[in-house]
């Protein structure tokens, strides 16, 4: 039987509480998140049950007595787990992420569980997107690799200046809008695609954006409509030598089609903070073994491709937002019931 123990380590700490205080079970909680939950809990008069273990059928019992739970984007919440949560009395899941493609929201609703996401500083991902974009245009991965081998010659390929380029931003939610604002400061032409225009930027069709953009950066949520949004056919429509940046979700891109386009020179490069099949690989130490993911292996070998492990959101400001908004989401849900 799994029991959250009372210790000084916030990852294992479950405080005693008065019956009037609301409880939240926080699953898959890393050390830095746990510290924030323990710091903020008294301010909101809640009692967090914190565990580093991910939500699963074997850990559902930690939710007993709490109507609200919190999960991270790192854990896929399956239908059997959702059923078990419902039987345990859980009525609200707050995911500590903007996206909730890791949860079957419709199935949860069918068993009486609501699902909510959190907002956090869009600047975290927007800043990171611009960094990846500039690194890609200047072939920084290759430059650093050469320096590591004490090769200090000029690269074979000259860099590109952003002001001379057209950048296509796909999706203008809070993060996409923040990216547009940053790009405007560089003096480049910005084209935007979204079903619901939210900025003063120039909105065009997706096909036109792909045909005219030197760089395409993805900021759409992942759902049935956006799965493999950038597939083989759409990549064919892109400009010769164009670059792709993805800090949204891995499955927005058909990765096999991307690899082919990078190999044959159709695309000039890619920078990916998210990847199809990243679950179980990202956030894990693989220094002593090779992860079993053919897509990752194929991309890692390419000098014109940069991969980072889904860390664009990971700033002190954004993490505090995530924890605080998780708590307020649960409180608001209970107040409205």
C-alpha atoms as a PDB file:
ATOM      1  CA  UNK A   1       0.000   0.000   0.000  1.00  0.00           C
ATOM      2  CA  UNK A   2       1.343   3.427  -0.942  1.00  0.00           C
ATOM      3  CA  UNK A   3       1.375   5.963   1.852  1.00  0.00           C
ATOM      4  CA  UNK A   4       2.611   9.554   1.689  1.00  0.00           C
ATOM      5  CA  UNK A   5       4.916   9.919   4.662  1.00  0.00           C
ATOM      6  CA  UNK A   6       5.471  12.901   6.918  1.00  0.00           C
ATOM      7  CA  UNK A   7       9.112  13.824   6.458  1.00  0.00           C
ATOM      8  CA  UNK A   8      11.177  16.963   5.940  1.00  0.00           C
ATOM      9  CA  UNK A   9      11.454  16.170   2.238  1.00  0.00           C
ATOM     10  CA  UNK A  10       8.577  18.017   0.536  1.00  0.00           C
ATOM     11  CA  UNK A  11       8.341  15.278  -2.062  1.00  0.00           C
ATOM     12  CA  UNK A  12       7.193  12.857   0.622  1.00  0.00           C
ATOM     13  CA  UNK A  13       5.362  15.244   2.924  1.00  0.00           C
ATOM     14  CA  UNK A  14       1.653  14.964   3.701  1.00  0.00           C
ATOM     15  CA  UNK A  15       0.645  17.445   6.382  1.00  0.00           C
ATOM     16  CA  UNK A  16      -2.141  16.886   8.834  1.00  0.00           C
ATOM     17  CA  UNK A  17      -5.036  19.244   8.322  1.00  0.00           C
ATOM     18  CA  UNK A  18      -8.312  20.390   9.757  1.00  0.00           C
ATOM     19  CA  UNK A  19     -11.359  18.933   8.121  1.00  0.00           C
ATOM     20  CA  UNK A  20     -12.328  22.394   6.825  1.00  0.00           C
ATOM     21  CA  UNK A  21      -9.232  22.707   4.681  1.00  0.00           C
ATOM     22  CA  UNK A  22      -9.417  21.551   1.099  1.00  0.00           C
ATOM     23  CA  UNK A  23      -6.990  18.855   0.031  1.00  0.00           C
ATOM     24  CA  UNK A  24      -5.259  18.416  -3.319  1.00  0.00           C
ATOM     25  CA  UNK A  25      -3.244  15.359  -4.318  1.00  0.00           C
ATOM     26  CA  UNK A  26      -0.298  16.430  -6.461  1.00  0.00           C
ATOM     27  CA  UNK A  27       1.135  13.619  -8.607  1.00  0.00           C
ATOM     28  CA  UNK A  28       4.481  13.504 -10.416  1.00  0.00           C
ATOM     29  CA  UNK A  29       5.724  16.438  -8.378  1.00  0.00           C
ATOM     30  CA  UNK A  30       9.417  17.268  -8.703  1.00  0.00           C
ATOM     31  CA  UNK A  31      11.457  18.818  -5.907  1.00  0.00           C
ATOM     32  CA  UNK A  32      11.194  22.425  -7.105  1.00  0.00           C
ATOM     33  CA  UNK A  33       7.430  22.154  -7.601  1.00  0.00           C
ATOM     34  CA  UNK A  34       7.013  20.508  -4.208  1.00  0.00           C
ATOM     35  CA  UNK A  35       8.788  23.349  -2.463  1.00  0.00           C
ATOM     36  CA  UNK A  36       6.447  25.847  -4.133  1.00  0.00           C
ATOM     37  CA  UNK A  37       3.332  23.854  -3.225  1.00  0.00           C
ATOM     38  CA  UNK A  38       4.443  23.725   0.417  1.00  0.00           C
ATOM     39  CA  UNK A  39       5.215  27.444   0.379  1.00  0.00           C
ATOM     40  CA  UNK A  40       1.930  28.514  -1.203  1.00  0.00           C
ATOM     41  CA  UNK A  41      -0.439  26.032   0.461  1.00  0.00           C
ATOM     42  CA  UNK A  42      -0.816  27.970   3.752  1.00  0.00           C
ATOM     43  CA  UNK A  43      -1.586  31.171   1.851  1.00  0.00           C
ATOM     44  CA  UNK A  44      -4.546  29.462   0.173  1.00  0.00           C
ATOM     45  CA  UNK A  45      -5.525  27.402   3.230  1.00  0.00           C
ATOM     46  CA  UNK A  46      -5.201  24.063   1.452  1.00  0.00           C
ATOM     47  CA  UNK A  47      -3.544  20.786   2.353  1.00  0.00           C
ATOM     48  CA  UNK A  48      -1.447  19.247  -0.448  1.00  0.00           C
ATOM     49  CA  UNK A  49      -0.689  15.548  -0.582  1.00  0.00           C
ATOM     50  CA  UNK A  50       2.526  15.552  -2.591  1.00  0.00           C
ATOM     51  CA  UNK A  51       4.150  12.602  -4.308  1.00  0.00           C
ATOM     52  CA  UNK A  52       6.897  12.266  -6.856  1.00  0.00           C
ATOM     53  CA  UNK A  53       5.198   9.145  -8.178  1.00  0.00           C
ATOM     54  CA  UNK A  54       3.159   9.616 -11.349  1.00  0.00           C
ATOM     55  CA  UNK A  55      -0.572   9.019 -11.397  1.00  0.00           C
ATOM     56  CA  UNK A  56      -1.357   5.364 -12.105  1.00  0.00           C
ATOM     57  CA  UNK A  57      -3.831   2.711 -11.018  1.00  0.00           C
ATOM     58  CA  UNK A  58      -1.468   1.788  -8.183  1.00  0.00           C
ATOM     59  CA  UNK A  59      -1.211   5.370  -6.890  1.00  0.00           C
ATOM     60  CA  UNK A  60      -4.862   6.412  -7.210  1.00  0.00           C
ATOM     61  CA  UNK A  61      -5.382   5.615  -3.514  1.00  0.00           C
ATOM     62  CA  UNK A  62      -3.361   8.710  -2.632  1.00  0.00           C
ATOM     63  CA  UNK A  63      -6.311  10.726  -3.930  1.00  0.00           C
ATOM     64  CA  UNK A  64      -8.818   9.258  -1.431  1.00  0.00           C
ATOM     65  CA  UNK A  65     -10.430  12.067   0.526  1.00  0.00           C
ATOM     66  CA  UNK A  66      -9.481  14.707  -2.036  1.00  0.00           C
ATOM     67  CA  UNK A  67     -11.897  15.744  -4.776  1.00  0.00           C
ATOM     68  CA  UNK A  68      -9.185  17.566  -6.720  1.00  0.00           C
ATOM     69  CA  UNK A  69      -5.874  16.243  -8.033  1.00  0.00           C
ATOM     70  CA  UNK A  70      -3.022  17.676 -10.065  1.00  0.00           C
ATOM     71  CA  UNK A  71      -0.943  15.910 -12.721  1.00  0.00           C
ATOM     72  CA  UNK A  72       1.917  16.975 -14.960  1.00  0.00           C
ATOM     73  CA  UNK A  73       2.191  16.803 -18.746  1.00  0.00           C
ATOM     74  CA  UNK A  74       4.733  13.995 -18.349  1.00  0.00           C
ATOM     75  CA  UNK A  75       2.101  11.374 -17.508  1.00  0.00           C
ATOM     76  CA  UNK A  76      -0.461   9.926 -19.910  1.00  0.00           C
ATOM     77  CA  UNK A  77      -3.695   9.528 -17.957  1.00  0.00           C
ATOM     78  CA  UNK A  78      -5.397   6.367 -19.245  1.00  0.00           C
ATOM     79  CA  UNK A  79      -9.078   5.455 -19.183  1.00  0.00           C
ATOM     80  CA  UNK A  80      -8.614   2.783 -16.457  1.00  0.00           C
ATOM     81  CA  UNK A  81      -6.905   5.403 -14.285  1.00  0.00           C
ATOM     82  CA  UNK A  82      -9.715   7.883 -14.916  1.00  0.00           C
ATOM     83  CA  UNK A  83     -12.289   5.240 -13.920  1.00  0.00           C
ATOM     84  CA  UNK A  84     -10.339   4.536 -10.749  1.00  0.00           C
ATOM     85  CA  UNK A  85     -10.170   8.251  -9.930  1.00  0.00           C
ATOM     86  CA  UNK A  86     -13.932   8.527 -10.340  1.00  0.00           C
ATOM     87  CA  UNK A  87     -14.466   5.630  -7.931  1.00  0.00           C
ATOM     88  CA  UNK A  88     -12.103   7.312  -5.491  1.00  0.00           C
ATOM     89  CA  UNK A  89     -14.283  10.418  -5.465  1.00  0.00           C
ATOM     90  CA  UNK A  90     -12.134  12.662  -7.648  1.00  0.00           C
ATOM     91  CA  UNK A  91     -14.178  15.196  -9.613  1.00  0.00           C
ATOM     92  CA  UNK A  92     -11.489  17.563 -10.919  1.00  0.00           C
ATOM     93  CA  UNK A  93      -8.090  17.112 -12.570  1.00  0.00           C
ATOM     94  CA  UNK A  94      -5.871  20.154 -12.950  1.00  0.00           C
ATOM     95  CA  UNK A  95      -2.977  19.496 -15.303  1.00  0.00           C
ATOM     96  CA  UNK A  96       0.130  21.559 -14.660  1.00  0.00           C
ATOM     97  CA  UNK A  97       0.420  22.442 -18.333  1.00  0.00           C
ATOM     98  CA  UNK A  98      -1.248  24.562 -20.969  1.00  0.00           C
ATOM     99  CA  UNK A  99      -2.018  21.528 -23.117  1.00  0.00           C
ATOM    100  CA  UNK A 100      -4.061  18.520 -22.009  1.00  0.00           C
ATOM    101  CA  UNK A 101      -3.543  16.126 -24.904  1.00  0.00           C
ATOM    102  CA  UNK A 102      -2.232  13.579 -22.349  1.00  0.00           C
ATOM    103  CA  UNK A 103      -5.728  13.272 -20.846  1.00  0.00           C
ATOM    104  CA  UNK A 104      -8.868  11.914 -22.486  1.00  0.00           C
ATOM    105  CA  UNK A 105     -11.000  14.913 -21.549  1.00  0.00           C
ATOM    106  CA  UNK A 106     -14.211  13.567 -23.084  1.00  0.00           C
ATOM    107  CA  UNK A 107     -13.934  10.246 -21.277  1.00  0.00           C
ATOM    108  CA  UNK A 108     -13.206  12.019 -18.004  1.00  0.00           C
ATOM    109  CA  UNK A 109     -16.298  14.146 -18.486  1.00  0.00           C
ATOM    110  CA  UNK A 110     -18.373  11.023 -19.146  1.00  0.00           C
ATOM    111  CA  UNK A 111     -17.512   9.669 -15.688  1.00  0.00           C
ATOM    112  CA  UNK A 112     -18.082  12.981 -13.930  1.00  0.00           C
ATOM    113  CA  UNK A 113     -14.567  14.402 -13.854  1.00  0.00           C
ATOM    114  CA  UNK A 114     -13.777  17.888 -15.147  1.00  0.00           C
ATOM    115  CA  UNK A 115     -10.313  18.704 -16.519  1.00  0.00           C
ATOM    116  CA  UNK A 116      -8.627  22.082 -16.348  1.00  0.00           C
ATOM    117  CA  UNK A 117      -5.289  23.390 -17.562  1.00  0.00           C
ATOM    118  CA  UNK A 118      -3.131  26.235 -16.265  1.00  0.00           C
ATOM    119  CA  UNK A 119      -1.799  29.427 -17.737  1.00  0.00           C
ATOM    120  CA  UNK A 120       1.741  30.510 -16.985  1.00  0.00           C
ATOM    121  CA  UNK A 121       4.175  33.121 -18.164  1.00  0.00           C
ATOM    122  CA  UNK A 122       4.132  32.902 -21.987  1.00  0.00           C
ATOM    123  CA  UNK A 123       7.477  34.681 -21.956  1.00  0.00           C
ATOM    124  CA  UNK A 124       9.204  31.464 -20.881  1.00  0.00           C
ATOM    125  CA  UNK A 125       8.372  29.593 -24.089  1.00  0.00           C
ATOM    126  CA  UNK A 126       8.433  32.712 -26.282  1.00  0.00           C
ATOM    127  CA  UNK A 127      11.975  33.614 -25.193  1.00  0.00           C
ATOM    128  CA  UNK A 128      13.103  30.034 -25.740  1.00  0.00           C
ATOM    129  CA  UNK A 129      11.505  29.930 -29.187  1.00  0.00           C
ATOM    130  CA  UNK A 130      13.421  33.000 -30.295  1.00  0.00           C
ATOM    131  CA  UNK A 131      16.633  31.536 -28.881  1.00  0.00           C
ATOM    132  CA  UNK A 132      16.170  28.294 -30.835  1.00  0.00           C
ATOM    133  CA  UNK A 133      15.290  30.239 -33.973  1.00  0.00           C
ATOM    134  CA  UNK A 134      18.457  32.356 -33.803  1.00  0.00           C
ATOM    135  CA  UNK A 135      20.619  29.350 -32.949  1.00  0.00           C
ATOM    136  CA  UNK A 136      19.250  27.520 -35.985  1.00  0.00           C
ATOM    137  CA  UNK A 137      19.836  30.424 -38.361  1.00  0.00           C
ATOM    138  CA  UNK A 138      23.446  30.670 -37.197  1.00  0.00           C
ATOM    139  CA  UNK A 139      24.152  26.889 -37.098  1.00  0.00           C
ATOM    140  CA  UNK A 140      25.165  27.137 -33.443  1.00  0.00           C
ATOM    141  CA  UNK A 141      24.960  23.373 -32.884  1.00  0.00           C
ATOM    142  CA  UNK A 142      27.676  22.769 -35.502  1.00  0.00           C
ATOM    143  CA  UNK A 143      29.774  25.677 -34.218  1.00  0.00           C
ATOM    144  CA  UNK A 144      29.754  24.378 -30.657  1.00  0.00           C
ATOM    145  CA  UNK A 145      30.573  20.867 -31.853  1.00  0.00           C
ATOM    146  CA  UNK A 146      33.592  22.169 -33.790  1.00  0.00           C
ATOM    147  CA  UNK A 147      34.822  24.206 -30.821  1.00  0.00           C
ATOM    148  CA  UNK A 148      34.530  21.141 -28.574  1.00  0.00           C
ATOM    149  CA  UNK A 149      36.963  19.474 -31.007  1.00  0.00           C
ATOM    150  CA  UNK A 150      39.232  22.570 -31.091  1.00  0.00           C
ATOM    151  CA  UNK A 151      38.271  23.437 -34.663  1.00  0.00           C
ATOM    152  CA  UNK A 152      38.050  27.229 -34.713  1.00  0.00           C
ATOM    153  CA  UNK A 153      37.674  27.777 -38.457  1.00  0.00           C
ATOM    154  CA  UNK A 154      34.794  29.668 -39.993  1.00  0.00           C
ATOM    155  CA  UNK A 155      31.801  27.432 -40.797  1.00  0.00           C
ATOM    156  CA  UNK A 156      31.132  26.299 -44.343  1.00  0.00           C
ATOM    157  CA  UNK A 157      27.715  27.967 -44.331  1.00  0.00           C
ATOM    158  CA  UNK A 158      27.085  31.621 -43.556  1.00  0.00           C
ATOM    159  CA  UNK A 159      24.368  32.553 -41.099  1.00  0.00           C
ATOM    160  CA  UNK A 160      21.161  34.368 -41.944  1.00  0.00           C
ATOM    161  CA  UNK A 161      19.944  37.675 -40.495  1.00  0.00           C
ATOM    162  CA  UNK A 162      16.430  37.623 -39.143  1.00  0.00           C
ATOM    163  CA  UNK A 163      15.535  41.061 -40.539  1.00  0.00           C
ATOM    164  CA  UNK A 164      15.969  39.674 -44.057  1.00  0.00           C
ATOM    165  CA  UNK A 165      13.530  36.831 -43.505  1.00  0.00           C
ATOM    166  CA  UNK A 166       9.833  36.044 -43.334  1.00  0.00           C
ATOM    167  CA  UNK A 167       8.751  34.140 -40.231  1.00  0.00           C
ATOM    168  CA  UNK A 168       5.472  32.244 -40.100  1.00  0.00           C
ATOM    169  CA  UNK A 169       3.874  31.835 -36.674  1.00  0.00           C
ATOM    170  CA  UNK A 170       1.319  29.020 -36.562  1.00  0.00           C
ATOM    171  CA  UNK A 171      -1.034  29.665 -33.649  1.00  0.00           C
ATOM    172  CA  UNK A 172      -1.519  32.926 -31.774  1.00  0.00           C
ATOM    173  CA  UNK A 173      -2.569  31.947 -28.297  1.00  0.00           C
ATOM    174  CA  UNK A 174      -0.735  33.542 -25.390  1.00  0.00           C
ATOM    175  CA  UNK A 175       2.617  32.028 -26.396  1.00  0.00           C
ATOM    176  CA  UNK A 176       2.263  32.556 -30.137  1.00  0.00           C
ATOM    177  CA  UNK A 177       1.262  36.183 -29.533  1.00  0.00           C
ATOM    178  CA  UNK A 178       4.332  36.703 -27.333  1.00  0.00           C
ATOM    179  CA  UNK A 179       6.513  35.243 -30.103  1.00  0.00           C
ATOM    180  CA  UNK A 180       4.968  37.649 -32.648  1.00  0.00           C
ATOM    181  CA  UNK A 181       5.722  40.591 -30.362  1.00  0.00           C
ATOM    182  CA  UNK A 182       9.366  39.572 -30.081  1.00  0.00           C
ATOM    183  CA  UNK A 183       9.753  38.982 -33.795  1.00  0.00           C
ATOM    184  CA  UNK A 184       8.444  42.448 -34.593  1.00  0.00           C
ATOM    185  CA  UNK A 185      11.420  43.883 -32.721  1.00  0.00           C
ATOM    186  CA  UNK A 186      13.807  42.166 -35.139  1.00  0.00           C
ATOM    187  CA  UNK A 187      12.327  43.891 -38.168  1.00  0.00           C
ATOM    188  CA  UNK A 188      11.438  40.705 -40.043  1.00  0.00           C
ATOM    189  CA  UNK A 189       8.193  40.162 -41.917  1.00  0.00           C
ATOM    190  CA  UNK A 190       5.765  38.156 -39.778  1.00  0.00           C
ATOM    191  CA  UNK A 191       2.938  36.049 -41.189  1.00  0.00           C
ATOM    192  CA  UNK A 192       0.424  34.412 -38.884  1.00  0.00           C
ATOM    193  CA  UNK A 193      -2.068  31.573 -39.151  1.00  0.00           C
ATOM    194  CA  UNK A 194      -4.862  30.925 -36.651  1.00  0.00           C
ATOM    195  CA  UNK A 195      -8.576  30.159 -36.793  1.00  0.00           C
ATOM    196  CA  UNK A 196      -9.220  33.059 -34.421  1.00  0.00           C
ATOM    197  CA  UNK A 197      -7.117  36.182 -35.132  1.00  0.00           C
ATOM    198  CA  UNK A 198      -5.904  37.779 -31.901  1.00  0.00           C
ATOM    199  CA  UNK A 199      -3.082  40.113 -32.968  1.00  0.00           C
ATOM    200  CA  UNK A 200      -2.538  42.936 -35.448  1.00  0.00           C
ATOM    201  CA  UNK A 201      -0.100  40.774 -37.429  1.00  0.00           C
ATOM    202  CA  UNK A 202      -0.819  39.742 -41.022  1.00  0.00           C
ATOM    203  CA  UNK A 203      -3.044  36.657 -40.985  1.00  0.00           C
ATOM    204  CA  UNK A 204      -2.906  34.358 -44.010  1.00  0.00           C
ATOM    205  CA  UNK A 205      -3.965  30.818 -44.862  1.00  0.00           C
ATOM    206  CA  UNK A 206      -1.736  27.990 -43.664  1.00  0.00           C
ATOM    207  CA  UNK A 207      -0.742  27.152 -47.240  1.00  0.00           C
ATOM    208  CA  UNK A 208       0.281  30.742 -47.957  1.00  0.00           C
ATOM    209  CA  UNK A 209       2.253  30.920 -44.724  1.00  0.00           C
ATOM    210  CA  UNK A 210       4.153  27.739 -45.572  1.00  0.00           C
ATOM    211  CA  UNK A 211       4.871  28.875 -49.130  1.00  0.00           C
ATOM    212  CA  UNK A 212       6.209  32.304 -48.128  1.00  0.00           C
ATOM    213  CA  UNK A 213       7.980  31.715 -44.807  1.00  0.00           C
ATOM    214  CA  UNK A 214      11.719  31.210 -44.386  1.00  0.00           C
ATOM    215  CA  UNK A 215      11.052  30.014 -40.831  1.00  0.00           C
ATOM    216  CA  UNK A 216       7.908  28.313 -39.489  1.00  0.00           C
ATOM    217  CA  UNK A 217       7.364  28.147 -35.728  1.00  0.00           C
ATOM    218  CA  UNK A 218       4.547  26.040 -34.254  1.00  0.00           C
ATOM    219  CA  UNK A 219       2.362  27.104 -31.306  1.00  0.00           C
ATOM    220  CA  UNK A 220      -0.930  25.271 -31.814  1.00  0.00           C
ATOM    221  CA  UNK A 221      -2.497  22.987 -29.193  1.00  0.00           C
ATOM    222  CA  UNK A 222      -2.410  19.287 -30.056  1.00  0.00           C
ATOM    223  CA  UNK A 223      -5.769  17.705 -30.892  1.00  0.00           C
ATOM    224  CA  UNK A 224      -7.327  15.597 -33.653  1.00  0.00           C
ATOM    225  CA  UNK A 225      -7.338  18.548 -36.054  1.00  0.00           C
ATOM    226  CA  UNK A 226      -3.699  19.537 -35.470  1.00  0.00           C
ATOM    227  CA  UNK A 227      -2.141  16.055 -35.252  1.00  0.00           C
ATOM    228  CA  UNK A 228       0.612  15.996 -37.907  1.00  0.00           C
ATOM    229  CA  UNK A 229      -0.354  19.507 -38.942  1.00  0.00           C
ATOM    230  CA  UNK A 230       3.015  19.661 -40.640  1.00  0.00           C
ATOM    231  CA  UNK A 231       2.907  16.450 -42.663  1.00  0.00           C
ATOM    232  CA  UNK A 232       4.624  15.312 -45.849  1.00  0.00           C
ATOM    233  CA  UNK A 233       2.302  17.255 -48.156  1.00  0.00           C
ATOM    234  CA  UNK A 234       2.559  20.496 -46.220  1.00  0.00           C
ATOM    235  CA  UNK A 235       6.336  20.221 -45.902  1.00  0.00           C
ATOM    236  CA  UNK A 236       6.475  19.907 -49.697  1.00  0.00           C
ATOM    237  CA  UNK A 237       4.748  23.306 -49.919  1.00  0.00           C
ATOM    238  CA  UNK A 238       7.411  25.022 -47.819  1.00  0.00           C
ATOM    239  CA  UNK A 239      10.190  27.148 -49.277  1.00  0.00           C
ATOM    240  CA  UNK A 240      13.365  25.350 -50.268  1.00  0.00           C
ATOM    241  CA  UNK A 241      15.783  25.515 -47.332  1.00  0.00           C
ATOM    242  CA  UNK A 242      13.189  26.738 -44.825  1.00  0.00           C
ATOM    243  CA  UNK A 243      13.580  26.139 -41.089  1.00  0.00           C
ATOM    244  CA  UNK A 244      11.134  24.604 -38.602  1.00  0.00           C
ATOM    245  CA  UNK A 245      10.884  25.465 -34.893  1.00  0.00           C
ATOM    246  CA  UNK A 246       8.594  23.487 -32.571  1.00  0.00           C
ATOM    247  CA  UNK A 247       8.054  24.390 -28.920  1.00  0.00           C
ATOM    248  CA  UNK A 248       4.406  23.277 -28.952  1.00  0.00           C
ATOM    249  CA  UNK A 249       3.813  19.515 -29.045  1.00  0.00           C
ATOM    250  CA  UNK A 250       5.849  16.851 -30.828  1.00  0.00           C
ATOM    251  CA  UNK A 251       2.977  15.363 -32.787  1.00  0.00           C
ATOM    252  CA  UNK A 252       2.217  18.643 -34.525  1.00  0.00           C
ATOM    253  CA  UNK A 253       4.881  17.381 -36.938  1.00  0.00           C
ATOM    254  CA  UNK A 254       5.040  14.114 -38.851  1.00  0.00           C
ATOM    255  CA  UNK A 255       8.586  13.432 -37.688  1.00  0.00           C
ATOM    256  CA  UNK A 256       9.346  10.829 -40.368  1.00  0.00           C
ATOM    257  CA  UNK A 257       8.411  13.358 -43.044  1.00  0.00           C
ATOM    258  CA  UNK A 258      10.536  15.962 -41.281  1.00  0.00           C
ATOM    259  CA  UNK A 259      13.576  13.681 -41.216  1.00  0.00           C
ATOM    260  CA  UNK A 260      13.197  12.945 -44.930  1.00  0.00           C
ATOM    261  CA  UNK A 261      12.947  16.664 -45.738  1.00  0.00           C
ATOM    262  CA  UNK A 262      16.054  17.424 -43.663  1.00  0.00           C
ATOM    263  CA  UNK A 263      18.004  14.590 -45.258  1.00  0.00           C
ATOM    264  CA  UNK A 264      17.208  15.537 -48.855  1.00  0.00           C
ATOM    265  CA  UNK A 265      17.794  19.266 -48.285  1.00  0.00           C
ATOM    266  CA  UNK A 266      14.206  20.389 -48.693  1.00  0.00           C
ATOM    267  CA  UNK A 267      14.484  21.946 -45.234  1.00  0.00           C
ATOM    268  CA  UNK A 268      17.516  23.847 -44.016  1.00  0.00           C
ATOM    269  CA  UNK A 269      17.204  22.878 -40.374  1.00  0.00           C
ATOM    270  CA  UNK A 270      14.981  22.302 -37.381  1.00  0.00           C
ATOM    271  CA  UNK A 271      14.947  23.091 -33.675  1.00  0.00           C
ATOM    272  CA  UNK A 272      12.663  20.901 -31.578  1.00  0.00           C
ATOM    273  CA  UNK A 273      11.949  21.244 -27.863  1.00  0.00           C
ATOM    274  CA  UNK A 274       9.219  18.618 -28.194  1.00  0.00           C
ATOM    275  CA  UNK A 275       9.231  15.307 -30.027  1.00  0.00           C
ATOM    276  CA  UNK A 276       6.888  12.488 -30.982  1.00  0.00           C
ATOM    277  CA  UNK A 277       7.449   9.607 -28.576  1.00  0.00           C
ATOM    278  CA  UNK A 278       9.240  11.765 -26.020  1.00  0.00           C
ATOM    279  CA  UNK A 279       7.295  10.110 -23.183  1.00  0.00           C
ATOM    280  CA  UNK A 280       9.585   7.971 -21.061  1.00  0.00           C
ATOM    281  CA  UNK A 281      12.700   9.503 -22.656  1.00  0.00           C
ATOM    282  CA  UNK A 282      12.637  13.195 -21.870  1.00  0.00           C
ATOM    283  CA  UNK A 283      13.258  13.925 -18.163  1.00  0.00           C
ATOM    284  CA  UNK A 284      15.201  10.653 -17.819  1.00  0.00           C
ATOM    285  CA  UNK A 285      18.955  10.141 -17.462  1.00  0.00           C
ATOM    286  CA  UNK A 286      20.094   8.060 -20.442  1.00  0.00           C
ATOM    287  CA  UNK A 287      23.831   8.647 -20.150  1.00  0.00           C
ATOM    288  CA  UNK A 288      24.495   4.966 -19.562  1.00  0.00           C
ATOM    289  CA  UNK A 289      22.093   3.570 -22.151  1.00  0.00           C
ATOM    290  CA  UNK A 290      20.660   4.566 -25.520  1.00  0.00           C
ATOM    291  CA  UNK A 291      16.932   5.392 -25.558  1.00  0.00           C
ATOM    292  CA  UNK A 292      14.842   3.256 -27.886  1.00  0.00           C
ATOM    293  CA  UNK A 293      13.417   5.874 -30.202  1.00  0.00           C
ATOM    294  CA  UNK A 294      14.325   5.715 -33.883  1.00  0.00           C
ATOM    295  CA  UNK A 295      13.009   9.209 -34.559  1.00  0.00           C
ATOM    296  CA  UNK A 296      15.225  10.715 -31.873  1.00  0.00           C
ATOM    297  CA  UNK A 297      18.264   8.777 -33.079  1.00  0.00           C
ATOM    298  CA  UNK A 298      17.715   9.926 -36.657  1.00  0.00           C
ATOM    299  CA  UNK A 299      17.425  13.579 -35.670  1.00  0.00           C
ATOM    300  CA  UNK A 300      20.353  13.587 -33.244  1.00  0.00           C
ATOM    301  CA  UNK A 301      22.770  12.636 -36.032  1.00  0.00           C
ATOM    302  CA  UNK A 302      21.880  15.659 -38.141  1.00  0.00           C
ATOM    303  CA  UNK A 303      24.155  18.701 -37.797  1.00  0.00           C
ATOM    304  CA  UNK A 304      21.312  21.032 -38.789  1.00  0.00           C
ATOM    305  CA  UNK A 305      18.912  19.821 -36.093  1.00  0.00           C
ATOM    306  CA  UNK A 306      18.794  20.916 -32.445  1.00  0.00           C
ATOM    307  CA  UNK A 307      16.840  18.938 -29.861  1.00  0.00           C
ATOM    308  CA  UNK A 308      16.144  19.953 -26.270  1.00  0.00           C
ATOM    309  CA  UNK A 309      14.060  17.904 -23.779  1.00  0.00           C
ATOM    310  CA  UNK A 310      10.783  19.853 -23.452  1.00  0.00           C
ATOM    311  CA  UNK A 311      12.215  22.564 -21.217  1.00  0.00           C
ATOM    312  CA  UNK A 312      11.045  25.784 -22.884  1.00  0.00           C
ATOM    313  CA  UNK A 313       8.492  26.353 -20.105  1.00  0.00           C
ATOM    314  CA  UNK A 314      11.000  25.746 -17.308  1.00  0.00           C
ATOM    315  CA  UNK A 315      11.722  29.113 -15.676  1.00  0.00           C
ATOM    316  CA  UNK A 316      11.340  30.243 -12.086  1.00  0.00           C
ATOM    317  CA  UNK A 317       8.559  32.670 -13.033  1.00  0.00           C
ATOM    318  CA  UNK A 318       6.595  30.156 -15.084  1.00  0.00           C
ATOM    319  CA  UNK A 319       6.928  27.365 -12.525  1.00  0.00           C
ATOM    320  CA  UNK A 320       5.558  29.581  -9.773  1.00  0.00           C
ATOM    321  CA  UNK A 321       2.663  30.508 -12.070  1.00  0.00           C
ATOM    322  CA  UNK A 322       1.974  26.817 -12.704  1.00  0.00           C
ATOM    323  CA  UNK A 323       1.818  25.907  -9.012  1.00  0.00           C
ATOM    324  CA  UNK A 324      -0.203  28.950  -7.977  1.00  0.00           C
ATOM    325  CA  UNK A 325      -2.686  28.559 -10.830  1.00  0.00           C
ATOM    326  CA  UNK A 326      -3.067  24.849 -10.104  1.00  0.00           C
ATOM    327  CA  UNK A 327      -4.177  25.705  -6.594  1.00  0.00           C
ATOM    328  CA  UNK A 328      -6.491  28.533  -7.689  1.00  0.00           C
ATOM    329  CA  UNK A 329      -8.031  26.298 -10.385  1.00  0.00           C
ATOM    330  CA  UNK A 330      -8.981  23.728  -7.758  1.00  0.00           C
ATOM    331  CA  UNK A 331     -10.323  26.360  -5.373  1.00  0.00           C
ATOM    332  CA  UNK A 332     -12.354  28.008  -8.113  1.00  0.00           C
ATOM    333  CA  UNK A 333     -13.797  24.656  -9.175  1.00  0.00           C
ATOM    334  CA  UNK A 334     -14.918  23.887  -5.624  1.00  0.00           C
ATOM    335  CA  UNK A 335     -16.401  27.363  -5.184  1.00  0.00           C
ATOM    336  CA  UNK A 336     -18.469  26.975  -8.336  1.00  0.00           C
ATOM    337  CA  UNK A 337     -19.821  23.566  -7.330  1.00  0.00           C
END
